[in-house]
Structure formats: C-alpha cells, structure tokens
C-alpha cells in the first residue's frame, strides 16, 4: 500500500512538473514571437521611411564562396526576380532583406542585370524562422480579436 501511494505521488509530481515546464516554454515562445512581430513592424516602418529601400526575398541561392553568395532575389513590391551578388554575406532561401537600392552591378560581374549588394546596403533582415514566429504572433492576435 505504501509503495502504491509513493508511486502515485511520484506520477502526480512528474505531471505537475511537466505542466509547469511546458507552460513556461509556451510562454517563452509567445514572448519571442511577439518580439519578432515587433521587429517585422519596425522593418516595414523603416522601409516606408527610406524611399531608397526595398524589401526583397531570397528566392534561391546558387553559389556560395568565401567572398560572398550568388542568389536570385524577388522584389516584394513587384515580384520581379533578379540575380544578385551578396558581398561577404551568406543569406538563405526565404530570408527577407531590406535593401538600399544602388548601382545595378558590381565587380563580380559585368552584367548590368546583377544586383550587387554591399554589406552597407542591407538595412535589416529576417530569417524564415523569424518570419514564422511573427506570423504565429499575428495569428494569435487575430484569434483573440486584437489588432496590432
């Protein structure tokens, strides 16, 4: 009987501890999602305040090197895809970048159609994971009827 009671107390204790841990993890994720949503709003406000800046999504990465990365980007406003060279950077497919528009080509290529991205031209960026976190937060807000 004592052993049965001891096992029951152990099981209840483990369940209580698991509940507390899972609740804290969920609350932590909610806070992180809220931060990324705020960052996304900041990025959009920065784009509106900077007429020379545009959002672009990395559609495809096709060559990585020590000196940079060759990729295809899609401009968010127009959907137009363009080859690009990211000097000293290593973006991943799906990343959203706030880029300052500049000259159409750089020393990597003689083609005027390649968008040359120097490090100072990236004003802000969000990984795919950060975008998913911001979207989760927006869905939570929409489900509760709260507007940001």
N, C-alpha and C. Protein backbone atom coordinates (compact mmCIF):
# COMPACT_ATOMS: atom_id res chain seq x y z
N UNK A 1 0.82 -1.19 0.00
CA UNK A 1 0.00 0.00 0.00
C UNK A 1 0.87 1.27 0.00
N UNK A 2 1.90 1.26 0.83
CA UNK A 2 2.81 2.40 0.91
C UNK A 2 3.51 2.62 -0.43
N UNK A 3 3.92 1.53 -1.06
CA UNK A 3 4.60 1.61 -2.35
C UNK A 3 3.66 2.18 -3.42
N UNK A 4 2.41 1.76 -3.38
CA UNK A 4 1.40 2.27 -4.32
C UNK A 4 1.21 3.77 -4.13
N UNK A 5 1.11 4.22 -2.91
CA UNK A 5 0.94 5.64 -2.61
C UNK A 5 2.16 6.45 -3.04
N UNK A 6 3.33 5.90 -2.81
CA UNK A 6 4.58 6.55 -3.21
C UNK A 6 4.66 6.70 -4.73
N UNK A 7 4.28 5.66 -5.46
CA UNK A 7 4.29 5.72 -6.93
C UNK A 7 3.26 6.74 -7.43
N UNK A 8 2.10 6.78 -6.81
CA UNK A 8 1.08 7.73 -7.20
C UNK A 8 1.55 9.17 -7.00
N UNK A 9 2.19 9.42 -5.86
CA UNK A 9 2.75 10.77 -5.59
C UNK A 9 3.83 11.13 -6.60
N UNK A 10 4.66 10.17 -6.98
CA UNK A 10 5.72 10.42 -7.96
C UNK A 10 5.13 10.77 -9.32
N UNK A 11 4.09 10.04 -9.72
CA UNK A 11 3.45 10.30 -11.01
C UNK A 11 2.79 11.67 -11.02
N UNK A 12 2.09 12.01 -9.95
CA UNK A 12 1.45 13.33 -9.85
C UNK A 12 2.51 14.43 -9.87
N UNK A 13 3.60 14.24 -9.19
CA UNK A 13 4.69 15.22 -9.16
C UNK A 13 5.31 15.41 -10.53
N UNK A 14 5.52 14.32 -11.24
CA UNK A 14 6.10 14.40 -12.59
C UNK A 14 5.15 15.13 -13.54
N UNK A 15 3.86 14.82 -13.45
CA UNK A 15 2.88 15.50 -14.29
C UNK A 15 2.81 17.00 -13.98
N UNK A 16 2.85 17.35 -12.71
CA UNK A 16 2.83 18.76 -12.32
C UNK A 16 4.07 19.48 -12.84
N UNK A 17 5.23 18.86 -12.70
CA UNK A 17 6.47 19.46 -13.17
C UNK A 17 6.46 19.60 -14.69
N UNK A 18 5.98 18.59 -15.39
CA UNK A 18 5.90 18.65 -16.85
C UNK A 18 4.96 19.77 -17.29
N UNK A 19 3.85 19.94 -16.59
CA UNK A 19 2.90 21.01 -16.92
C UNK A 19 3.54 22.38 -16.75
N UNK A 20 4.27 22.55 -15.66
CA UNK A 20 4.94 23.84 -15.41
C UNK A 20 5.98 24.12 -16.48
N UNK A 21 6.79 23.12 -16.80
CA UNK A 21 7.84 23.29 -17.81
C UNK A 21 7.23 23.61 -19.18
N UNK A 22 6.20 22.87 -19.57
CA UNK A 22 5.57 23.11 -20.87
C UNK A 22 4.92 24.50 -20.94
N UNK A 23 4.30 24.93 -19.87
CA UNK A 23 3.67 26.26 -19.83
C UNK A 23 4.74 27.35 -19.97
N UNK A 24 5.86 27.17 -19.28
CA UNK A 24 6.93 28.18 -19.38
C UNK A 24 7.51 28.23 -20.79
N UNK A 25 7.68 27.04 -21.40
CA UNK A 25 8.20 27.01 -22.77
C UNK A 25 7.23 27.71 -23.73
N UNK A 26 5.94 27.46 -23.56
CA UNK A 26 4.94 28.10 -24.42
C UNK A 26 4.96 29.61 -24.21
N UNK A 27 5.01 30.05 -22.96
CA UNK A 27 5.05 31.49 -22.67
C UNK A 27 6.30 32.13 -23.26
N UNK A 28 7.41 31.42 -23.20
CA UNK A 28 8.67 31.93 -23.77
C UNK A 28 8.53 32.09 -25.27
N UNK A 29 7.93 31.07 -25.92
CA UNK A 29 7.75 31.17 -27.37
C UNK A 29 6.82 32.31 -27.72
N UNK A 30 5.77 32.52 -26.94
CA UNK A 30 4.84 33.63 -27.19
C UNK A 30 5.58 34.96 -27.10
N UNK A 31 6.43 35.12 -26.09
CA UNK A 31 7.20 36.37 -25.95
C UNK A 31 8.16 36.56 -27.12
N UNK A 32 8.83 35.48 -27.54
CA UNK A 32 9.75 35.59 -28.67
C UNK A 32 9.01 35.92 -29.95
N UNK A 33 7.85 35.29 -30.15
CA UNK A 33 7.05 35.59 -31.34
C UNK A 33 6.62 37.06 -31.36
N UNK A 34 6.27 37.58 -30.19
CA UNK A 34 5.87 38.98 -30.08
C UNK A 34 7.04 39.90 -30.44
N UNK A 35 8.23 39.55 -29.99
CA UNK A 35 9.41 40.35 -30.33
C UNK A 35 9.66 40.36 -31.83
N UNK A 36 9.55 39.19 -32.48
CA UNK A 36 9.79 39.13 -33.92
C UNK A 36 8.71 39.88 -34.68
N UNK A 37 7.48 39.84 -34.18
CA UNK A 37 6.41 40.61 -34.82
C UNK A 37 6.71 42.10 -34.73
N UNK A 38 7.18 42.55 -33.58
CA UNK A 38 7.57 43.95 -33.43
C UNK A 38 8.72 44.32 -34.34
N UNK A 39 9.67 43.40 -34.50
CA UNK A 39 10.80 43.64 -35.39
C UNK A 39 10.33 43.76 -36.84
N UNK A 40 9.37 42.91 -37.21
CA UNK A 40 8.84 42.96 -38.57
C UNK A 40 8.13 44.30 -38.81
N UNK A 41 7.40 44.77 -37.82
CA UNK A 41 6.73 46.07 -37.94
C UNK A 41 7.76 47.20 -38.05
N UNK A 42 8.85 47.09 -37.29
CA UNK A 42 9.93 48.07 -37.36
C UNK A 42 10.56 48.06 -38.76
N UNK A 43 10.75 46.88 -39.30
CA UNK A 43 11.34 46.74 -40.63
C UNK A 43 10.43 47.38 -41.68
N UNK A 44 9.14 47.18 -41.58
CA UNK A 44 8.20 47.79 -42.52
C UNK A 44 8.18 49.31 -42.37
N UNK A 45 8.25 49.80 -41.13
CA UNK A 45 8.28 51.25 -40.89
C UNK A 45 9.57 51.85 -41.46
N UNK A 46 10.68 51.14 -41.31
CA UNK A 46 11.95 51.59 -41.85
C UNK A 46 11.89 51.67 -43.37
N UNK A 47 11.22 50.70 -43.98
CA UNK A 47 11.07 50.72 -45.44
C UNK A 47 10.26 51.93 -45.87
N UNK A 48 9.18 52.22 -45.16
CA UNK A 48 8.35 53.38 -45.51
C UNK A 48 9.10 54.70 -45.32
N UNK A 49 9.98 54.75 -44.33
CA UNK A 49 10.73 55.98 -44.06
C UNK A 49 11.94 56.15 -44.97
N UNK A 50 12.33 55.09 -45.64
CA UNK A 50 13.50 55.13 -46.52
C UNK A 50 13.06 54.90 -47.96
N UNK A 51 12.86 55.94 -48.74
CA UNK A 51 12.37 55.75 -50.11
C UNK A 51 13.33 54.95 -50.99
N UNK A 52 14.61 54.92 -50.64
CA UNK A 52 15.57 54.18 -51.46
C UNK A 52 15.66 52.71 -51.06
N UNK A 53 14.91 52.30 -50.04
CA UNK A 53 14.97 50.92 -49.55
C UNK A 53 13.80 50.10 -50.06
N UNK A 54 14.07 48.85 -50.36
CA UNK A 54 13.04 47.92 -50.84
C UNK A 54 13.22 46.57 -50.15
N UNK A 55 12.10 45.88 -49.94
CA UNK A 55 12.15 44.53 -49.40
C UNK A 55 12.35 43.53 -50.53
N UNK A 56 13.23 42.57 -50.29
CA UNK A 56 13.47 41.51 -51.26
C UNK A 56 13.54 40.19 -50.51
N UNK A 57 13.02 39.14 -51.14
CA UNK A 57 13.08 37.80 -50.56
C UNK A 57 14.10 37.00 -51.36
N UNK A 58 14.95 36.26 -50.65
CA UNK A 58 15.93 35.41 -51.32
C UNK A 58 15.18 34.20 -51.87
N UNK A 59 15.07 34.11 -53.18
CA UNK A 59 14.33 33.03 -53.81
C UNK A 59 15.18 31.76 -53.93
N UNK A 60 16.46 31.95 -54.25
CA UNK A 60 17.33 30.79 -54.49
C UNK A 60 18.77 31.22 -54.29
N UNK A 61 19.56 30.35 -53.66
CA UNK A 61 20.99 30.55 -53.55
C UNK A 61 21.65 29.52 -54.47
N UNK A 62 22.49 29.98 -55.39
CA UNK A 62 23.08 29.02 -56.31
C UNK A 62 24.60 28.94 -56.27
N UNK A 63 25.25 29.78 -55.49
CA UNK A 63 26.70 29.64 -55.32
C UNK A 63 27.14 30.35 -54.05
N UNK A 64 27.89 29.63 -53.23
CA UNK A 64 28.46 30.22 -52.01
C UNK A 64 29.98 30.20 -52.15
N UNK A 65 30.59 31.29 -51.73
CA UNK A 65 32.04 31.42 -51.77
C UNK A 65 32.50 32.13 -50.52
N UNK A 66 33.81 32.15 -50.28
CA UNK A 66 34.35 32.86 -49.12
C UNK A 66 34.04 34.35 -49.20
N UNK A 67 34.02 34.88 -50.42
CA UNK A 67 33.83 36.32 -50.59
C UNK A 67 32.38 36.75 -50.70
N UNK A 68 31.45 35.79 -50.78
CA UNK A 68 30.05 36.17 -50.87
C UNK A 68 29.17 35.07 -51.41
N UNK A 69 27.97 35.45 -51.81
CA UNK A 69 26.97 34.48 -52.26
C UNK A 69 26.25 35.00 -53.49
N UNK A 70 26.04 34.12 -54.46
CA UNK A 70 25.22 34.44 -55.63
C UNK A 70 23.83 33.87 -55.37
N UNK A 71 22.83 34.70 -55.61
CA UNK A 71 21.47 34.28 -55.34
C UNK A 71 20.50 34.98 -56.28
N UNK A 72 19.29 34.46 -56.31
CA UNK A 72 18.20 35.11 -57.01
C UNK A 72 17.31 35.72 -55.94
N UNK A 73 17.01 37.01 -56.09
CA UNK A 73 16.10 37.67 -55.16
C UNK A 73 14.82 38.05 -55.91
N UNK A 74 13.73 38.12 -55.14
CA UNK A 74 12.46 38.58 -55.71
C UNK A 74 12.06 39.83 -54.95
N UNK A 75 11.87 40.92 -55.67
CA UNK A 75 11.47 42.17 -55.05
C UNK A 75 10.03 42.04 -54.57
N UNK A 76 9.76 42.37 -53.31
CA UNK A 76 8.44 42.16 -52.70
C UNK A 76 7.33 42.96 -53.39
N UNK A 77 7.58 44.20 -53.72
CA UNK A 77 6.52 45.04 -54.29
C UNK A 77 6.13 44.62 -55.70
N UNK A 78 7.11 44.19 -56.49
CA UNK A 78 6.83 43.89 -57.90
C UNK A 78 6.81 42.41 -58.20
N UNK A 79 7.49 41.61 -57.39
CA UNK A 79 7.60 40.17 -57.66
C UNK A 79 8.65 39.84 -58.71
N UNK A 80 9.33 40.85 -59.22
CA UNK A 80 10.36 40.65 -60.25
C UNK A 80 11.57 39.98 -59.62
N UNK A 81 12.06 38.92 -60.27
CA UNK A 81 13.26 38.23 -59.79
C UNK A 81 14.49 38.80 -60.47
N UNK A 82 15.61 38.79 -59.72
CA UNK A 82 16.85 39.36 -60.23
C UNK A 82 18.03 38.62 -59.64
N UNK A 83 19.03 38.36 -60.47
CA UNK A 83 20.27 37.78 -59.96
C UNK A 83 20.94 38.81 -59.06
N UNK A 84 21.63 38.31 -58.04
CA UNK A 84 22.31 39.23 -57.12
C UNK A 84 23.59 38.61 -56.59
N UNK A 85 24.48 39.48 -56.18
CA UNK A 85 25.74 39.08 -55.56
C UNK A 85 25.80 39.76 -54.20
N UNK A 86 25.89 38.95 -53.13
CA UNK A 86 25.98 39.46 -51.77
C UNK A 86 27.44 39.40 -51.32
N UNK A 87 28.08 40.54 -51.32
CA UNK A 87 29.49 40.59 -50.94
C UNK A 87 29.65 40.32 -49.45
N UNK A 88 30.42 39.29 -49.10
CA UNK A 88 30.73 38.98 -47.71
C UNK A 88 29.54 38.51 -46.89
N UNK A 89 28.44 38.14 -47.54
CA UNK A 89 27.24 37.71 -46.82
C UNK A 89 26.81 36.33 -47.29
N UNK A 90 26.00 35.69 -46.47
CA UNK A 90 25.54 34.34 -46.76
C UNK A 90 24.05 34.21 -46.45
N UNK A 91 23.17 34.84 -47.25
CA UNK A 91 21.74 34.72 -46.99
C UNK A 91 21.23 33.33 -47.34
N UNK A 92 20.10 32.98 -46.78
CA UNK A 92 19.48 31.68 -47.03
C UNK A 92 18.18 31.87 -47.80
N UNK A 93 17.76 30.85 -48.55
CA UNK A 93 16.49 30.95 -49.26
C UNK A 93 15.35 31.24 -48.30
N UNK A 94 14.49 32.18 -48.68
CA UNK A 94 13.36 32.56 -47.85
C UNK A 94 13.61 33.78 -46.98
N UNK A 95 14.86 34.13 -46.75
CA UNK A 95 15.17 35.31 -45.94
C UNK A 95 14.59 36.57 -46.61
N UNK A 96 14.09 37.47 -45.79
CA UNK A 96 13.61 38.76 -46.29
C UNK A 96 14.64 39.81 -45.88
N UNK A 97 15.04 40.62 -46.85
CA UNK A 97 16.07 41.63 -46.63
C UNK A 97 15.53 43.01 -47.01
N UNK A 98 15.84 43.98 -46.20
CA UNK A 98 15.54 45.37 -46.55
C UNK A 98 16.83 45.92 -47.14
N UNK A 99 16.79 46.17 -48.45
CA UNK A 99 18.00 46.56 -49.18
C UNK A 99 17.90 47.99 -49.66
N UNK A 100 19.00 48.70 -49.53
CA UNK A 100 19.11 50.04 -50.11
C UNK A 100 19.47 49.85 -51.57
N UNK A 101 18.67 50.43 -52.43
CA UNK A 101 18.93 50.30 -53.86
C UNK A 101 20.19 51.07 -54.22
N UNK A 102 20.98 50.48 -55.10
CA UNK A 102 22.22 51.11 -55.51
C UNK A 102 22.50 50.80 -56.97
N UNK A 103 23.77 50.84 -57.33
CA UNK A 103 24.13 50.54 -58.72
C UNK A 103 23.71 49.13 -59.09
N UNK A 104 23.43 48.92 -60.37
CA UNK A 104 22.94 47.64 -60.84
C UNK A 104 23.97 46.53 -60.92
N UNK A 105 25.24 46.86 -60.88
CA UNK A 105 26.22 45.79 -60.98
C UNK A 105 27.47 46.13 -60.20
N UNK A 106 28.25 45.10 -59.90
CA UNK A 106 29.47 45.29 -59.14
C UNK A 106 30.64 44.59 -59.79
N UNK A 107 31.76 44.51 -59.10
CA UNK A 107 32.96 43.95 -59.69
C UNK A 107 32.88 42.45 -59.93
N UNK A 108 31.89 41.75 -59.37
CA UNK A 108 31.80 40.31 -59.56
C UNK A 108 31.34 39.95 -60.97
N UNK A 109 30.59 40.82 -61.59
CA UNK A 109 30.01 40.52 -62.88
C UNK A 109 29.95 41.78 -63.72
N UNK A 110 30.10 41.62 -65.00
CA UNK A 110 29.99 42.78 -65.90
C UNK A 110 28.55 42.96 -66.37
N UNK A 111 27.64 42.11 -65.90
CA UNK A 111 26.25 42.20 -66.33
C UNK A 111 25.52 43.31 -65.59
N UNK A 112 24.83 44.19 -66.30
CA UNK A 112 24.08 45.26 -65.64
C UNK A 112 22.81 44.75 -64.95
N UNK A 113 22.45 43.48 -65.18
CA UNK A 113 21.24 42.93 -64.58
C UNK A 113 21.47 42.31 -63.20
N UNK A 114 22.73 42.21 -62.78
CA UNK A 114 23.03 41.64 -61.47
C UNK A 114 22.97 42.75 -60.42
N UNK A 115 22.19 42.52 -59.37
CA UNK A 115 22.09 43.49 -58.29
C UNK A 115 23.21 43.20 -57.30
N UNK A 116 24.14 44.12 -57.19
CA UNK A 116 25.31 43.98 -56.34
C UNK A 116 24.97 44.51 -54.95
N UNK A 117 25.07 43.65 -53.93
CA UNK A 117 24.70 44.03 -52.56
C UNK A 117 25.96 44.10 -51.71
N UNK A 118 26.38 45.31 -51.40
CA UNK A 118 27.49 45.52 -50.48
C UNK A 118 26.96 45.42 -49.05
N UNK A 119 27.81 45.11 -48.06
CA UNK A 119 27.32 44.96 -46.69
C UNK A 119 26.51 46.14 -46.16
N UNK A 120 26.84 47.35 -46.52
CA UNK A 120 26.12 48.51 -46.03
C UNK A 120 24.74 48.70 -46.65
N UNK A 121 24.44 47.94 -47.69
CA UNK A 121 23.15 48.07 -48.36
C UNK A 121 22.05 47.25 -47.68
N UNK A 122 22.41 46.32 -46.79
CA UNK A 122 21.40 45.54 -46.08
C UNK A 122 21.05 46.31 -44.81
N UNK A 123 19.87 46.92 -44.81
CA UNK A 123 19.44 47.71 -43.66
C UNK A 123 18.86 46.84 -42.55
N UNK A 124 18.26 45.72 -42.93
CA UNK A 124 17.63 44.83 -41.96
C UNK A 124 17.36 43.50 -42.65
N UNK A 125 17.20 42.44 -41.85
CA UNK A 125 16.90 41.14 -42.43
C UNK A 125 16.12 40.28 -41.44
N UNK A 126 15.36 39.35 -41.98
CA UNK A 126 14.60 38.39 -41.17
C UNK A 126 14.74 37.01 -41.78
N UNK A 127 15.12 36.05 -40.96
CA UNK A 127 15.21 34.67 -41.41
C UNK A 127 13.82 34.08 -41.58
N UNK A 128 13.76 32.92 -42.17
CA UNK A 128 12.48 32.22 -42.35
C UNK A 128 11.86 31.92 -40.99
N UNK A 129 12.68 31.50 -40.03
CA UNK A 129 12.19 31.17 -38.69
C UNK A 129 11.59 32.40 -38.01
N UNK A 130 12.25 33.55 -38.16
CA UNK A 130 11.75 34.79 -37.55
C UNK A 130 10.43 35.20 -38.20
N UNK A 131 10.31 35.03 -39.51
CA UNK A 131 9.07 35.35 -40.20
C UNK A 131 7.93 34.45 -39.71
N UNK A 132 8.24 33.17 -39.49
CA UNK A 132 7.22 32.23 -38.99
C UNK A 132 6.77 32.63 -37.59
N UNK A 133 7.72 33.07 -36.76
CA UNK A 133 7.39 33.50 -35.39
C UNK A 133 6.48 34.73 -35.43
N UNK A 134 6.79 35.69 -36.29
CA UNK A 134 5.96 36.89 -36.41
C UNK A 134 4.56 36.52 -36.91
N UNK A 135 4.48 35.59 -37.85
CA UNK A 135 3.18 35.16 -38.38
C UNK A 135 2.36 34.45 -37.29
N UNK A 136 3.02 33.63 -36.46
CA UNK A 136 2.33 32.97 -35.35
C UNK A 136 1.72 34.01 -34.42
N UNK A 137 2.50 35.03 -34.11
CA UNK A 137 2.01 36.08 -33.22
C UNK A 137 0.80 36.80 -33.83
N UNK A 138 0.89 37.11 -35.12
CA UNK A 138 -0.22 37.78 -35.80
C UNK A 138 -1.47 36.91 -35.78
N UNK A 139 -1.31 35.59 -35.97
CA UNK A 139 -2.46 34.68 -35.92
C UNK A 139 -3.07 34.64 -34.52
N UNK A 140 -2.20 34.65 -33.48
CA UNK A 140 -2.70 34.68 -32.11
C UNK A 140 -3.52 35.93 -31.86
N UNK A 141 -3.01 37.07 -32.32
CA UNK A 141 -3.73 38.33 -32.16
C UNK A 141 -5.07 38.30 -32.90
N UNK A 142 -5.06 37.77 -34.11
CA UNK A 142 -6.29 37.70 -34.89
C UNK A 142 -7.32 36.79 -34.22
N UNK A 143 -6.85 35.70 -33.61
CA UNK A 143 -7.76 34.76 -32.95
C UNK A 143 -8.41 35.38 -31.72
N UNK A 144 -7.71 36.30 -31.08
CA UNK A 144 -8.26 36.95 -29.87
C UNK A 144 -8.99 38.24 -30.22
N UNK A 145 -8.94 38.64 -31.51
CA UNK A 145 -9.63 39.85 -31.93
C UNK A 145 -8.87 41.12 -31.65
N UNK A 146 -7.59 41.01 -31.29
CA UNK A 146 -6.76 42.19 -31.01
C UNK A 146 -6.07 42.61 -32.30
N UNK A 147 -6.07 43.90 -32.57
CA UNK A 147 -5.36 44.41 -33.73
C UNK A 147 -4.09 45.12 -33.27
N UNK A 148 -2.97 44.86 -33.96
CA UNK A 148 -1.71 45.49 -33.55
C UNK A 148 -1.68 46.97 -33.82
